[in-house]
Amino acid sequence: MKNTQPETGAFFPRDRDWHPKAYTPGYKTSVLRSPRNALLSLGNTISEITGPVFGHDMLGERDNDLVLNFAKPGASAIGERIIVHGRVLDERGIGMSGVLLEFWQANAGGRYRHKKDNYLAPLDPNFGGCGRAITDENGAYSLRTVKPGPYPWPNGPNDWRPSHIHFSVFGYGFVQRLITQMYFEGDPLIPLCPIANAISDPEAIKRLVAPLDMANTIPFDARAYKFDIVLRGRRSTMFENRPEGN
């Protein structure tokens, strides 16, 4: 356990040039979802600065093991076994402990375990496609899973989603709430994907691509990919001689 006092300062403003535009006609769903009026910038409220607290005692033994957490005894999920690991950091590069990550994905054939997924790929009876983890004292996390397959989607006449894993991240305050996707290094579908192309900065797209990490593979078992996640950082507590913080 850490003896340091939790930070209470407001968070840095969001860099909207780094995030995708809300209205991107190439991604058809955004047309109806995007706001019609100009966005307003508001200060942080107490409820946004403070947030939920999670503990390791809320996790099940296999919550971060998608290979086994839905499998029948003696069975395992079908597909290329992989380890995904990394750290959750704030904008200052400080590791964030106790952060809850939830993840979900399609199976190795590119199909989700969802009643509205009608893709022709078969379901894997031993793969549920979801899990969760909590970061350690250095902000590190890991999960074991199978590499998800690509799949077609009805955005255009022949659009395909690259292989990806969805991440939902709960930081120290509600303004650090993040839902994102992780892609895999070398996937030729990434530059063709309308969702990825909604991000205007190529460097921002690169931050969503996990490189192969041979140093952390498990020989004869699983490859590894490294994916760090950066959440908004806090400003220093305001002082009388520096009311603006940092």
Protein backbone atom coordinates (compact mmCIF):
# COMPACT_ATOMS: atom_id res chain seq x y z
CA MET A 1 0.00 0.00 0.00
CA LYS A 2 1.15 3.56 -0.68
CA ASN A 3 1.31 6.17 2.06
CA THR A 4 1.18 9.16 -0.28
CA GLN A 5 -1.90 11.34 -0.24
CA PRO A 6 -4.12 11.10 -3.33
CA GLU A 7 -3.94 14.02 -5.74
CA THR A 8 -6.90 16.37 -5.83
CA GLY A 9 -6.04 18.90 -8.55
CA ALA A 10 -8.11 19.46 -11.66
CA PHE A 11 -7.21 17.63 -14.86
CA PHE A 12 -5.50 18.98 -17.94
CA PRO A 13 -7.92 19.97 -20.72
CA ARG A 14 -8.56 17.42 -23.44
CA ASP A 15 -6.51 17.85 -26.63
CA ARG A 16 -9.27 17.64 -29.23
CA ASP A 17 -6.80 17.77 -32.13
CA TRP A 18 -5.49 14.40 -30.93
CA HIS A 19 -8.94 12.78 -30.82
CA PRO A 20 -11.14 11.96 -33.81
CA LYS A 21 -13.71 14.49 -34.92
CA ALA A 22 -17.24 13.72 -33.75
CA TYR A 23 -18.59 14.12 -37.29
CA THR A 24 -16.77 11.91 -39.81
CA PRO A 25 -19.10 10.98 -42.70
CA GLY A 26 -16.83 8.12 -43.78
CA TYR A 27 -17.80 6.43 -40.52
CA LYS A 28 -21.56 6.46 -41.12
CA THR A 29 -22.64 5.89 -37.51
CA SER A 30 -21.03 9.19 -36.51
CA VAL A 31 -23.45 11.18 -38.67
CA LEU A 32 -26.36 10.65 -36.29
CA ARG A 33 -24.26 10.46 -33.12
CA SER A 34 -22.31 13.70 -33.54
CA PRO A 35 -23.44 16.88 -31.74
CA ARG A 36 -25.26 19.56 -33.74
CA ASN A 37 -24.01 22.55 -31.72
CA ALA A 38 -20.56 23.84 -30.82
CA LEU A 39 -18.92 22.19 -27.82
CA LEU A 40 -18.62 24.07 -24.53
CA SER A 41 -15.57 23.97 -22.28
CA LEU A 42 -16.50 23.58 -18.61
CA GLY A 43 -14.37 23.46 -15.46
CA ASN A 44 -13.95 20.24 -13.50
CA THR A 45 -16.58 19.58 -10.84
CA ILE A 46 -15.88 17.67 -7.63
CA SER A 47 -17.66 14.59 -9.01
CA GLU A 48 -15.38 14.65 -12.07
CA ILE A 49 -12.16 15.18 -10.12
CA THR A 50 -12.91 12.34 -7.73
CA GLY A 51 -13.97 8.95 -8.94
CA PRO A 52 -14.53 5.27 -8.24
CA VAL A 53 -11.98 3.15 -6.39
CA PHE A 54 -11.41 -0.48 -7.32
CA GLY A 55 -9.62 -3.28 -5.47
CA HIS A 56 -8.06 -6.56 -6.48
CA ASP A 57 -10.52 -8.45 -4.28
CA MET A 58 -13.27 -7.74 -6.80
CA LEU A 59 -11.55 -9.77 -9.54
CA GLY A 60 -12.05 -13.45 -10.20
CA GLU A 61 -9.07 -15.79 -10.56
CA ARG A 62 -9.37 -15.98 -14.36
CA ASP A 63 -10.85 -12.59 -15.15
CA ASN A 64 -7.79 -11.60 -17.20
CA ASP A 65 -7.47 -14.99 -18.93
CA LEU A 66 -9.85 -15.11 -21.90
CA VAL A 67 -8.31 -18.40 -23.01
CA LEU A 68 -9.80 -20.16 -19.98
CA ASN A 69 -12.37 -17.93 -18.27
CA PHE A 70 -15.27 -19.19 -20.37
CA ALA A 71 -13.94 -22.65 -21.22
CA LYS A 72 -15.27 -25.97 -20.03
CA PRO A 73 -12.98 -27.96 -17.70
CA GLY A 74 -10.04 -29.31 -19.67
CA ALA A 75 -10.81 -27.13 -22.71
CA SER A 76 -9.53 -23.76 -23.95
CA ALA A 77 -10.38 -21.12 -26.54
CA ILE A 78 -9.43 -21.77 -30.17
CA GLY A 79 -6.99 -19.43 -31.89
CA GLU A 80 -3.53 -17.85 -31.80
CA ARG A 81 -2.71 -17.45 -28.11
CA ILE A 82 -1.34 -14.04 -27.18
CA ILE A 83 -0.37 -11.98 -24.15
CA VAL A 84 -1.31 -8.28 -24.15
CA HIS A 85 0.48 -6.21 -21.52
CA GLY A 86 1.45 -2.64 -20.80
CA ARG A 87 1.04 0.24 -18.36
CA VAL A 88 -1.63 2.82 -17.70
CA LEU A 89 0.06 6.22 -17.38
CA ASP A 90 -1.08 9.80 -17.04
CA GLU A 91 0.14 12.59 -19.33
CA ARG A 92 3.10 13.21 -17.03
CA GLY A 93 4.31 9.62 -17.48
CA ILE A 94 3.31 8.56 -13.96
CA GLY A 95 2.06 4.97 -13.61
CA MET A 96 -1.50 4.72 -12.31
CA SER A 97 -2.24 1.95 -9.82
CA GLY A 98 -5.68 0.52 -9.08
CA VAL A 99 -7.12 1.37 -12.49
CA LEU A 100 -9.85 -0.99 -13.69
CA LEU A 101 -9.60 -2.19 -17.30
CA GLU A 102 -12.38 -4.09 -19.02
CA PHE A 103 -11.80 -5.65 -22.42
CA TRP A 104 -13.88 -7.46 -25.00
CA GLN A 105 -13.28 -8.79 -28.48
CA ALA A 106 -14.38 -11.07 -31.31
CA ASN A 107 -13.19 -14.67 -31.38
CA ALA A 108 -10.43 -16.00 -33.64
CA GLY A 109 -12.91 -16.20 -36.53
CA GLY A 110 -14.02 -12.58 -36.14
CA ARG A 111 -17.37 -13.20 -34.45
CA TYR A 112 -18.68 -11.76 -31.18
CA ARG A 113 -20.73 -13.73 -28.68
CA HIS A 114 -23.73 -11.45 -29.17
CA LYS A 115 -27.22 -12.24 -30.36
CA LYS A 116 -27.08 -9.50 -33.02
CA ASP A 117 -23.79 -10.68 -34.55
CA ASN A 118 -24.82 -12.52 -37.72
CA TYR A 119 -21.39 -12.98 -39.27
CA LEU A 120 -20.98 -16.42 -40.84
CA ALA A 121 -17.92 -17.30 -38.75
CA PRO A 122 -18.66 -19.96 -36.11
CA LEU A 123 -18.89 -19.30 -32.40
CA ASP A 124 -16.28 -20.88 -30.15
CA PRO A 125 -18.12 -22.62 -27.29
CA ASN A 126 -15.07 -22.14 -25.05
CA PHE A 127 -14.59 -18.41 -25.66
CA GLY A 128 -16.64 -15.69 -23.98
CA GLY A 129 -14.72 -12.75 -25.37
CA CYS A 130 -14.55 -10.49 -22.31
CA GLY A 131 -12.50 -9.99 -19.16
CA ARG A 132 -10.99 -7.41 -16.83
CA ALA A 133 -7.88 -6.52 -14.84
CA ILE A 134 -6.68 -3.96 -12.31
CA THR A 135 -3.30 -2.23 -12.65
CA ASP A 136 -0.61 -2.90 -10.07
CA GLU A 137 1.35 -0.30 -8.06
CA ASN A 138 3.35 0.67 -11.17
CA GLY A 139 0.35 0.91 -13.45
CA ALA A 140 1.05 -2.43 -15.15
CA TYR A 141 -1.60 -4.84 -16.43
CA SER A 142 -1.70 -8.00 -18.54
CA LEU A 143 -4.23 -10.31 -20.13
CA ARG A 144 -4.08 -13.59 -21.97
CA THR A 145 -6.38 -14.20 -24.91
CA VAL A 146 -6.53 -15.36 -28.53
CA LYS A 147 -5.92 -12.98 -31.40
CA PRO A 148 -9.30 -11.76 -32.67
CA GLY A 149 -10.13 -12.17 -36.34
CA PRO A 150 -11.16 -9.36 -38.72
CA TYR A 151 -14.79 -9.15 -39.79
CA PRO A 152 -16.99 -7.35 -42.35
CA TRP A 153 -19.34 -4.60 -41.21
CA PRO A 154 -22.13 -2.73 -43.02
CA ASN A 155 -20.50 0.71 -43.15
CA GLY A 156 -19.73 0.50 -46.87
CA PRO A 157 -20.06 -2.10 -49.64
CA ASN A 158 -16.87 -3.92 -48.60
CA ASP A 159 -15.59 -2.52 -45.29
CA TRP A 160 -13.72 -4.78 -42.87
CA ARG A 161 -12.65 -4.09 -39.31
CA PRO A 162 -9.01 -4.86 -38.52
CA SER A 163 -8.31 -7.32 -35.72
CA HIS A 164 -8.80 -5.37 -32.51
CA ILE A 165 -9.49 -5.54 -28.78
CA HIS A 166 -11.80 -3.04 -27.06
CA PHE A 167 -10.61 -1.43 -23.82
CA SER A 168 -12.71 0.37 -21.23
CA VAL A 169 -10.59 2.20 -18.64
CA PHE A 170 -11.69 3.73 -15.31
CA GLY A 171 -9.07 6.18 -14.01
CA TYR A 172 -9.00 8.23 -10.81
CA GLY A 173 -11.78 10.60 -11.92
CA PHE A 174 -14.68 10.44 -14.32
CA VAL A 175 -12.90 12.78 -16.75
CA GLN A 176 -10.26 10.04 -17.12
CA ARG A 177 -12.85 7.57 -18.37
CA LEU A 178 -11.64 6.11 -21.67
CA ILE A 179 -13.05 3.66 -24.20
CA THR A 180 -10.64 2.77 -26.97
CA GLN A 181 -9.44 0.01 -29.28
CA MET A 182 -6.10 -1.72 -29.72
CA TYR A 183 -4.90 -2.84 -33.14
CA PHE A 184 -2.05 -5.18 -34.06
CA GLU A 185 1.23 -4.25 -35.71
CA GLY A 186 1.37 -5.03 -39.42
CA ASP A 187 -2.38 -5.39 -40.01
CA PRO A 188 -3.06 -4.23 -43.61
CA LEU A 189 -6.69 -3.40 -42.77
CA ILE A 190 -5.81 -0.54 -40.39
CA PRO A 191 -5.26 2.11 -43.11
CA LEU A 192 -8.47 0.96 -44.83
CA CYS A 193 -10.68 1.19 -41.73
CA PRO A 194 -13.11 4.18 -41.62
CA ILE A 195 -13.01 4.19 -37.80
CA ALA A 196 -9.21 4.39 -37.67
CA ASN A 197 -9.26 6.97 -40.47
CA ALA A 198 -11.52 9.20 -38.36
CA ILE A 199 -8.30 10.12 -36.51
CA SER A 200 -6.55 12.87 -38.45
CA ASP A 201 -3.09 12.61 -36.85
CA PRO A 202 -1.08 9.56 -38.07
CA GLU A 203 0.91 9.62 -34.82
CA ALA A 204 -2.30 9.22 -32.83
CA ILE A 205 -3.23 6.17 -34.93
CA LYS A 206 0.18 4.67 -34.17
CA ARG A 207 -0.59 4.95 -30.46
CA LEU A 208 -3.47 2.51 -31.00
CA VAL A 209 -1.24 -0.11 -32.63
CA ALA A 210 0.41 -2.64 -30.31
CA PRO A 211 3.86 -3.79 -31.47
CA LEU A 212 4.97 -7.38 -31.24
CA ASP A 213 7.02 -7.87 -28.06
CA MET A 214 9.21 -10.93 -28.49
CA ALA A 215 10.93 -10.32 -25.13
CA ASN A 216 7.70 -11.21 -23.33
CA THR A 217 6.46 -14.10 -25.42
CA ILE A 218 5.95 -17.49 -23.79
CA PRO A 219 7.94 -19.99 -25.88
CA PHE A 220 5.79 -22.66 -27.56
CA ASP A 221 2.69 -21.02 -26.09
CA ALA A 222 1.85 -17.35 -26.74
CA ARG A 223 3.19 -14.29 -28.52
CA ALA A 224 3.15 -10.95 -26.71
CA TYR A 225 2.02 -7.45 -27.69
CA LYS A 226 2.71 -4.28 -25.72
CA PHE A 227 0.00 -1.64 -25.37
CA ASP A 228 0.42 1.37 -23.08
CA ILE A 229 -2.57 3.58 -22.31
CA VAL A 230 -2.28 7.29 -21.44
CA LEU A 231 -5.03 9.05 -19.48
CA ARG A 232 -5.41 12.75 -18.72
CA GLY A 233 -3.02 14.08 -16.09
CA ARG A 234 -3.73 16.31 -13.10
CA ARG A 235 -2.62 19.83 -12.52
CA SER A 236 -0.93 20.70 -9.26
CA THR A 237 -3.10 21.83 -6.37
CA MET A 238 -3.70 25.59 -6.65
CA PHE A 239 -1.70 27.87 -4.37
CA GLU A 240 -2.28 31.52 -3.54
CA ASN A 241 0.83 32.57 -5.44
CA ARG A 242 0.06 30.34 -8.42
CA PRO A 243 -3.71 30.20 -8.92
CA GLU A 244 -3.44 28.77 -12.40
CA GLY A 245 -1.81 25.51 -11.28
CA ASN A 246 0.61 24.03 -13.82
